[in-house]
Amino acid sequence: MSDNNFNYDTFVRNPPNPDNVTEILSHASLFSSSSNTSPIPNSFNISSFNVNGLKMQGQTKLDEISTFFSLKHISFGGIVDTHFHPKQMKFLSKRTSNYTVFSSNLDTSKQILSSGGVSLFIENSLASHVQDFKSHSSRLLSVDLYFKGNVKLRIFVIYIPLPAESVLRSDTIDLLIQQLTFTKQAGFYHAVCGDLICI
């Protein structure tokens, strides 16, 4: 990197997530005014949720997540295991007007228990820095952002399947490791969010 004064530790920070998105509004500590601090200048807040499919109560789940994103000043929000195609996610996310959504393709193979589907919601002021995004699989998405000073950031969203799907799980982990290697070689800073299920 050309800027040796760049402090990665203050560039990205991770607020705590509730355990279950359907109980998100019951977590008083997450929504109380005392925990509602302003974002640190020149930093990002990253969060992720496993929604266990959006076909049932999809709009309700996204509305709750959107409320959390806004109150916690989330810059990058990963949503995993959506079971939705990119067009479905784009349509469903229209009410989250402060964010731009990027989604992976969906695996429609009948040999798997879950079709996957991962998405990254990026706050609109940062979405203008997006130069590229790629669906590596239905369980791994990356989005590239470029900032002043030749600062390049790649955000990964991943859903690692349960141990019951051992081959798919192993393939997904191998793909992430491969992509992280390519990311380092390309000179990117990176962050990984999603459901890693005891990787």
C-alpha atoms as a PDB file:
ATOM      1  CA  MET A   1       0.000   0.000   0.000  1.00  0.00           C
ATOM      2  CA  SER A   2       1.187   3.507  -0.745  1.00  0.00           C
ATOM      3  CA  ASP A   3      -0.137   5.004   2.529  1.00  0.00           C
ATOM      4  CA  ASN A   4       1.923   3.643   5.436  1.00  0.00           C
ATOM      5  CA  ASN A   5      -0.206   5.617   7.944  1.00  0.00           C
ATOM      6  CA  PHE A   6      -3.337   3.634   7.088  1.00  0.00           C
ATOM      7  CA  ASN A   7      -4.765   2.067  10.265  1.00  0.00           C
ATOM      8  CA  TYR A   8      -6.754  -1.038   9.414  1.00  0.00           C
ATOM      9  CA  ASP A   9      -7.959  -1.512  13.009  1.00  0.00           C
ATOM     10  CA  THR A  10      -9.910   1.752  12.945  1.00  0.00           C
ATOM     11  CA  PHE A  11     -10.884   1.345   9.286  1.00  0.00           C
ATOM     12  CA  VAL A  12     -13.273  -1.529  10.034  1.00  0.00           C
ATOM     13  CA  ARG A  13     -15.025  -2.402  13.294  1.00  0.00           C
ATOM     14  CA  ASN A  14     -17.676  -4.988  14.052  1.00  0.00           C
ATOM     15  CA  PRO A  15     -20.665  -4.267  16.308  1.00  0.00           C
ATOM     16  CA  PRO A  16     -22.371  -7.211  18.043  1.00  0.00           C
ATOM     17  CA  ASN A  17     -25.232  -8.961  16.263  1.00  0.00           C
ATOM     18  CA  PRO A  18     -28.346 -10.405  17.858  1.00  0.00           C
ATOM     19  CA  ASP A  19     -28.556 -14.208  17.732  1.00  0.00           C
ATOM     20  CA  ASN A  20     -31.829 -14.359  15.821  1.00  0.00           C
ATOM     21  CA  VAL A  21     -33.061 -11.789  13.329  1.00  0.00           C
ATOM     22  CA  THR A  22     -36.717 -12.519  14.139  1.00  0.00           C
ATOM     23  CA  GLU A  23     -36.012 -11.399  17.724  1.00  0.00           C
ATOM     24  CA  ILE A  24     -34.016  -8.344  16.692  1.00  0.00           C
ATOM     25  CA  LEU A  25     -36.465  -5.777  18.052  1.00  0.00           C
ATOM     26  CA  SER A  26     -36.552  -7.460  21.470  1.00  0.00           C
ATOM     27  CA  HIS A  27     -32.858  -6.720  22.091  1.00  0.00           C
ATOM     28  CA  ALA A  28     -33.154  -3.482  24.048  1.00  0.00           C
ATOM     29  CA  SER A  29     -29.410  -3.067  24.402  1.00  0.00           C
ATOM     30  CA  LEU A  30     -28.990  -3.061  20.627  1.00  0.00           C
ATOM     31  CA  PHE A  31     -31.568  -0.324  20.141  1.00  0.00           C
ATOM     32  CA  SER A  32     -31.169   1.778  23.261  1.00  0.00           C
ATOM     33  CA  SER A  33     -30.012   5.358  22.861  1.00  0.00           C
ATOM     34  CA  SER A  34     -27.019   4.716  25.131  1.00  0.00           C
ATOM     35  CA  SER A  35     -25.661   2.134  22.686  1.00  0.00           C
ATOM     36  CA  ASN A  36     -26.493   4.277  19.669  1.00  0.00           C
ATOM     37  CA  THR A  37     -23.131   5.918  19.081  1.00  0.00           C
ATOM     38  CA  SER A  38     -22.095   7.854  16.021  1.00  0.00           C
ATOM     39  CA  PRO A  39     -19.734   6.110  13.647  1.00  0.00           C
ATOM     40  CA  ILE A  40     -16.013   6.734  14.075  1.00  0.00           C
ATOM     41  CA  PRO A  41     -14.796   8.998  11.240  1.00  0.00           C
ATOM     42  CA  ASN A  42     -13.145   7.105   8.384  1.00  0.00           C
ATOM     43  CA  SER A  43     -14.317   3.738   9.696  1.00  0.00           C
ATOM     44  CA  PHE A  44     -16.866   1.113   8.650  1.00  0.00           C
ATOM     45  CA  ASN A  45     -19.346  -0.939  10.637  1.00  0.00           C
ATOM     46  CA  ILE A  46     -19.877  -4.456   9.299  1.00  0.00           C
ATOM     47  CA  SER A  47     -22.687  -6.794  10.307  1.00  0.00           C
ATOM     48  CA  SER A  48     -24.167 -10.053   9.044  1.00  0.00           C
ATOM     49  CA  PHE A  49     -27.261 -12.186   9.553  1.00  0.00           C
ATOM     50  CA  ASN A  50     -28.296 -15.691   8.601  1.00  0.00           C
ATOM     51  CA  VAL A  51     -31.954 -15.204   7.650  1.00  0.00           C
ATOM     52  CA  ASN A  52     -32.684 -18.923   7.058  1.00  0.00           C
ATOM     53  CA  GLY A  53     -34.604 -18.124   3.894  1.00  0.00           C
ATOM     54  CA  LEU A  54     -36.690 -15.113   2.965  1.00  0.00           C
ATOM     55  CA  LYS A  55     -39.651 -16.889   1.374  1.00  0.00           C
ATOM     56  CA  MET A  56     -41.490 -16.790   4.701  1.00  0.00           C
ATOM     57  CA  GLN A  57     -41.784 -13.295   6.254  1.00  0.00           C
ATOM     58  CA  GLY A  58     -39.071 -11.987   3.921  1.00  0.00           C
ATOM     59  CA  GLN A  59     -40.220  -8.376   3.974  1.00  0.00           C
ATOM     60  CA  THR A  60     -40.634  -8.409   7.761  1.00  0.00           C
ATOM     61  CA  LYS A  61     -37.137  -9.807   8.242  1.00  0.00           C
ATOM     62  CA  LEU A  62     -35.623  -7.243   5.885  1.00  0.00           C
ATOM     63  CA  ASP A  63     -37.517  -4.390   7.571  1.00  0.00           C
ATOM     64  CA  GLU A  64     -36.113  -5.470  10.950  1.00  0.00           C
ATOM     65  CA  ILE A  65     -32.595  -5.760   9.538  1.00  0.00           C
ATOM     66  CA  SER A  66     -32.940  -2.366   7.850  1.00  0.00           C
ATOM     67  CA  THR A  67     -33.927  -0.816  11.195  1.00  0.00           C
ATOM     68  CA  PHE A  68     -30.871  -2.389  12.826  1.00  0.00           C
ATOM     69  CA  PHE A  69     -28.597  -1.179  10.009  1.00  0.00           C
ATOM     70  CA  SER A  70     -29.865   2.390  10.356  1.00  0.00           C
ATOM     71  CA  LEU A  71     -29.683   2.572  14.143  1.00  0.00           C
ATOM     72  CA  LYS A  72     -26.224   1.031  14.282  1.00  0.00           C
ATOM     73  CA  HIS A  73     -24.843   2.971  11.312  1.00  0.00           C
ATOM     74  CA  ILE A  74     -24.015  -0.251   9.470  1.00  0.00           C
ATOM     75  CA  SER A  75     -21.886   0.415   6.392  1.00  0.00           C
ATOM     76  CA  PHE A  76     -21.797  -3.142   5.064  1.00  0.00           C
ATOM     77  CA  GLY A  77     -24.506  -5.664   5.947  1.00  0.00           C
ATOM     78  CA  GLY A  78     -24.214  -9.281   4.870  1.00  0.00           C
ATOM     79  CA  ILE A  79     -27.356 -11.384   4.558  1.00  0.00           C
ATOM     80  CA  VAL A  80     -26.865 -15.123   4.076  1.00  0.00           C
ATOM     81  CA  ASP A  81     -28.989 -18.163   3.226  1.00  0.00           C
ATOM     82  CA  THR A  82     -31.647 -16.050   1.490  1.00  0.00           C
ATOM     83  CA  HIS A  83     -32.838 -18.771  -0.954  1.00  0.00           C
ATOM     84  CA  PHE A  84     -33.461 -15.863  -3.374  1.00  0.00           C
ATOM     85  CA  HIS A  85     -32.167 -15.017  -6.853  1.00  0.00           C
ATOM     86  CA  PRO A  86     -30.526 -11.567  -7.346  1.00  0.00           C
ATOM     87  CA  LYS A  87     -33.668 -10.130  -9.002  1.00  0.00           C
ATOM     88  CA  GLN A  88     -35.821 -11.284  -6.086  1.00  0.00           C
ATOM     89  CA  MET A  89     -33.421  -9.681  -3.598  1.00  0.00           C
ATOM     90  CA  LYS A  90     -33.356  -6.436  -5.557  1.00  0.00           C
ATOM     91  CA  PHE A  91     -37.159  -6.294  -5.557  1.00  0.00           C
ATOM     92  CA  LEU A  92     -37.434  -7.171  -1.852  1.00  0.00           C
ATOM     93  CA  SER A  93     -34.785  -4.624  -0.852  1.00  0.00           C
ATOM     94  CA  LYS A  94     -36.484  -1.621  -2.518  1.00  0.00           C
ATOM     95  CA  ARG A  95     -37.691  -0.429   0.890  1.00  0.00           C
ATOM     96  CA  THR A  96     -34.129  -0.258   2.218  1.00  0.00           C
ATOM     97  CA  SER A  97     -33.573   2.947   0.268  1.00  0.00           C
ATOM     98  CA  ASN A  98     -30.373   3.919   2.113  1.00  0.00           C
ATOM     99  CA  TYR A  99     -28.584   0.824   0.806  1.00  0.00           C
ATOM    100  CA  THR A 100     -27.557  -0.720  -2.490  1.00  0.00           C
ATOM    101  CA  VAL A 101     -27.719  -4.512  -2.640  1.00  0.00           C
ATOM    102  CA  PHE A 102     -25.371  -6.943  -4.404  1.00  0.00           C
ATOM    103  CA  SER A 103     -26.373 -10.621  -4.525  1.00  0.00           C
ATOM    104  CA  SER A 104     -24.945 -13.987  -5.523  1.00  0.00           C
ATOM    105  CA  ASN A 105     -26.459 -16.335  -8.036  1.00  0.00           C
ATOM    106  CA  LEU A 106     -28.606 -19.113  -6.589  1.00  0.00           C
ATOM    107  CA  ASP A 107     -27.843 -22.841  -6.667  1.00  0.00           C
ATOM    108  CA  THR A 108     -30.942 -24.649  -7.916  1.00  0.00           C
ATOM    109  CA  SER A 109     -29.386 -28.143  -7.790  1.00  0.00           C
ATOM    110  CA  LYS A 110     -31.606 -30.755  -6.186  1.00  0.00           C
ATOM    111  CA  GLN A 111     -28.620 -32.540  -4.643  1.00  0.00           C
ATOM    112  CA  ILE A 112     -28.249 -29.991  -1.837  1.00  0.00           C
ATOM    113  CA  LEU A 113     -30.244 -29.234   1.311  1.00  0.00           C
ATOM    114  CA  SER A 114     -30.043 -25.445   0.989  1.00  0.00           C
ATOM    115  CA  SER A 115     -29.898 -23.378  -2.176  1.00  0.00           C
ATOM    116  CA  GLY A 116     -27.831 -20.717  -0.397  1.00  0.00           C
ATOM    117  CA  GLY A 117     -27.934 -17.144  -1.603  1.00  0.00           C
ATOM    118  CA  VAL A 118     -25.857 -14.355  -0.079  1.00  0.00           C
ATOM    119  CA  SER A 119     -26.208 -10.581  -0.386  1.00  0.00           C
ATOM    120  CA  LEU A 120     -24.279  -7.509   0.689  1.00  0.00           C
ATOM    121  CA  PHE A 121     -26.109  -4.273   1.527  1.00  0.00           C
ATOM    122  CA  ILE A 122     -23.823  -1.256   1.160  1.00  0.00           C
ATOM    123  CA  GLU A 123     -24.753   2.168   2.513  1.00  0.00           C
ATOM    124  CA  ASN A 124     -25.338   4.448  -0.485  1.00  0.00           C
ATOM    125  CA  SER A 125     -22.541   6.919   0.263  1.00  0.00           C
ATOM    126  CA  LEU A 126     -20.086   4.004   0.014  1.00  0.00           C
ATOM    127  CA  ALA A 127     -21.806   2.214  -2.867  1.00  0.00           C
ATOM    128  CA  SER A 128     -20.427   4.844  -5.258  1.00  0.00           C
ATOM    129  CA  HIS A 129     -16.964   3.400  -4.541  1.00  0.00           C
ATOM    130  CA  VAL A 130     -17.935  -0.057  -5.816  1.00  0.00           C
ATOM    131  CA  GLN A 131     -15.941  -0.952  -8.910  1.00  0.00           C
ATOM    132  CA  ASP A 132     -16.782  -4.634  -9.256  1.00  0.00           C
ATOM    133  CA  PHE A 133     -18.634  -7.493  -7.648  1.00  0.00           C
ATOM    134  CA  LYS A 134     -18.573 -11.204  -8.320  1.00  0.00           C
ATOM    135  CA  SER A 135     -20.717 -14.184  -7.425  1.00  0.00           C
ATOM    136  CA  HIS A 136     -18.117 -16.921  -6.914  1.00  0.00           C
ATOM    137  CA  SER A 137     -20.888 -19.385  -6.018  1.00  0.00           C
ATOM    138  CA  SER A 138     -24.325 -19.224  -4.418  1.00  0.00           C
ATOM    139  CA  ARG A 139     -22.494 -19.131  -1.071  1.00  0.00           C
ATOM    140  CA  LEU A 140     -19.672 -16.669  -1.753  1.00  0.00           C
ATOM    141  CA  LEU A 141     -19.866 -13.103  -3.028  1.00  0.00           C
ATOM    142  CA  SER A 142     -17.186 -10.422  -3.193  1.00  0.00           C
ATOM    143  CA  VAL A 143     -17.550  -6.684  -3.727  1.00  0.00           C
ATOM    144  CA  ASP A 144     -14.583  -4.424  -4.559  1.00  0.00           C
ATOM    145  CA  LEU A 145     -14.422  -0.793  -3.466  1.00  0.00           C
ATOM    146  CA  TYR A 146     -11.739   1.739  -4.389  1.00  0.00           C
ATOM    147  CA  PHE A 147     -10.928   4.780  -2.256  1.00  0.00           C
ATOM    148  CA  LYS A 148      -8.532   7.722  -2.404  1.00  0.00           C
ATOM    149  CA  GLY A 149      -4.877   6.977  -1.829  1.00  0.00           C
ATOM    150  CA  ASN A 150      -5.017   3.711  -3.795  1.00  0.00           C
ATOM    151  CA  VAL A 151      -6.924   2.017  -0.957  1.00  0.00           C
ATOM    152  CA  LYS A 152      -8.712  -1.067  -2.267  1.00  0.00           C
ATOM    153  CA  LEU A 153     -11.162  -2.993  -0.099  1.00  0.00           C
ATOM    154  CA  ARG A 154     -12.779  -6.322  -0.950  1.00  0.00           C
ATOM    155  CA  ILE A 155     -15.740  -7.415   1.178  1.00  0.00           C
ATOM    156  CA  PHE A 156     -16.663 -11.102   1.158  1.00  0.00           C
ATOM    157  CA  VAL A 157     -20.040 -12.483   2.193  1.00  0.00           C
ATOM    158  CA  ILE A 158     -20.041 -16.234   2.786  1.00  0.00           C
ATOM    159  CA  TYR A 159     -22.413 -18.942   3.886  1.00  0.00           C
ATOM    160  CA  ILE A 160     -20.610 -22.121   4.914  1.00  0.00           C
ATOM    161  CA  PRO A 161     -22.998 -25.095   4.852  1.00  0.00           C
ATOM    162  CA  LEU A 162     -23.598 -27.331   7.846  1.00  0.00           C
ATOM    163  CA  PRO A 163     -21.275 -30.318   8.425  1.00  0.00           C
ATOM    164  CA  ALA A 164     -24.034 -32.615   7.061  1.00  0.00           C
ATOM    165  CA  GLU A 165     -23.158 -31.315   3.590  1.00  0.00           C
ATOM    166  CA  SER A 166     -19.481 -32.153   3.981  1.00  0.00           C
ATOM    167  CA  VAL A 167     -18.430 -31.972   0.315  1.00  0.00           C
ATOM    168  CA  LEU A 168     -20.186 -28.668  -0.332  1.00  0.00           C
ATOM    169  CA  ARG A 169     -18.854 -27.326   2.971  1.00  0.00           C
ATOM    170  CA  SER A 170     -15.294 -28.299   2.089  1.00  0.00           C
ATOM    171  CA  ASP A 171     -15.620 -26.862  -1.429  1.00  0.00           C
ATOM    172  CA  THR A 172     -16.952 -23.560  -0.058  1.00  0.00           C
ATOM    173  CA  ILE A 173     -14.114 -23.245   2.468  1.00  0.00           C
ATOM    174  CA  ASP A 174     -11.534 -24.068  -0.220  1.00  0.00           C
ATOM    175  CA  LEU A 175     -13.062 -21.453  -2.528  1.00  0.00           C
ATOM    176  CA  LEU A 176     -12.873 -18.793   0.203  1.00  0.00           C
ATOM    177  CA  ILE A 177      -9.232 -19.611   0.946  1.00  0.00           C
ATOM    178  CA  GLN A 178      -8.417 -19.448  -2.773  1.00  0.00           C
ATOM    179  CA  GLN A 179     -10.163 -16.085  -3.145  1.00  0.00           C
ATOM    180  CA  LEU A 180      -8.438 -14.685  -0.041  1.00  0.00           C
ATOM    181  CA  THR A 181      -5.083 -15.644  -1.582  1.00  0.00           C
ATOM    182  CA  PHE A 182      -5.974 -13.863  -4.839  1.00  0.00           C
ATOM    183  CA  THR A 183      -7.163 -10.850  -2.830  1.00  0.00           C
ATOM    184  CA  LYS A 184      -3.860 -10.546  -0.981  1.00  0.00           C
ATOM    185  CA  GLN A 185      -1.893 -10.916  -4.218  1.00  0.00           C
ATOM    186  CA  ALA A 186      -3.968  -8.113  -5.790  1.00  0.00           C
ATOM    187  CA  GLY A 187      -3.128  -5.719  -2.917  1.00  0.00           C
ATOM    188  CA  PHE A 188      -6.617  -5.456  -1.403  1.00  0.00           C
ATOM    189  CA  TYR A 189      -7.555  -4.967   2.197  1.00  0.00           C
ATOM    190  CA  HIS A 190     -10.376  -7.361   2.937  1.00  0.00           C
ATOM    191  CA  ALA A 191     -13.152  -8.225   5.359  1.00  0.00           C
ATOM    192  CA  VAL A 192     -15.218 -11.413   5.611  1.00  0.00           C
ATOM    193  CA  CYS A 193     -18.750 -11.501   6.966  1.00  0.00           C
ATOM    194  CA  GLY A 194     -21.434 -14.140   6.933  1.00  0.00           C
ATOM    195  CA  ASP A 195     -22.185 -17.463   8.567  1.00  0.00           C
ATOM    196  CA  LEU A 196     -18.985 -19.433   8.950  1.00  0.00           C
ATOM    197  CA  ILE A 197     -20.479 -22.194  11.187  1.00  0.00           C
ATOM    198  CA  CYS A 198     -17.359 -23.147  13.127  1.00  0.00           C
ATOM    199  CA  ILE A 199     -14.974 -23.053  10.183  1.00  0.00           C
END
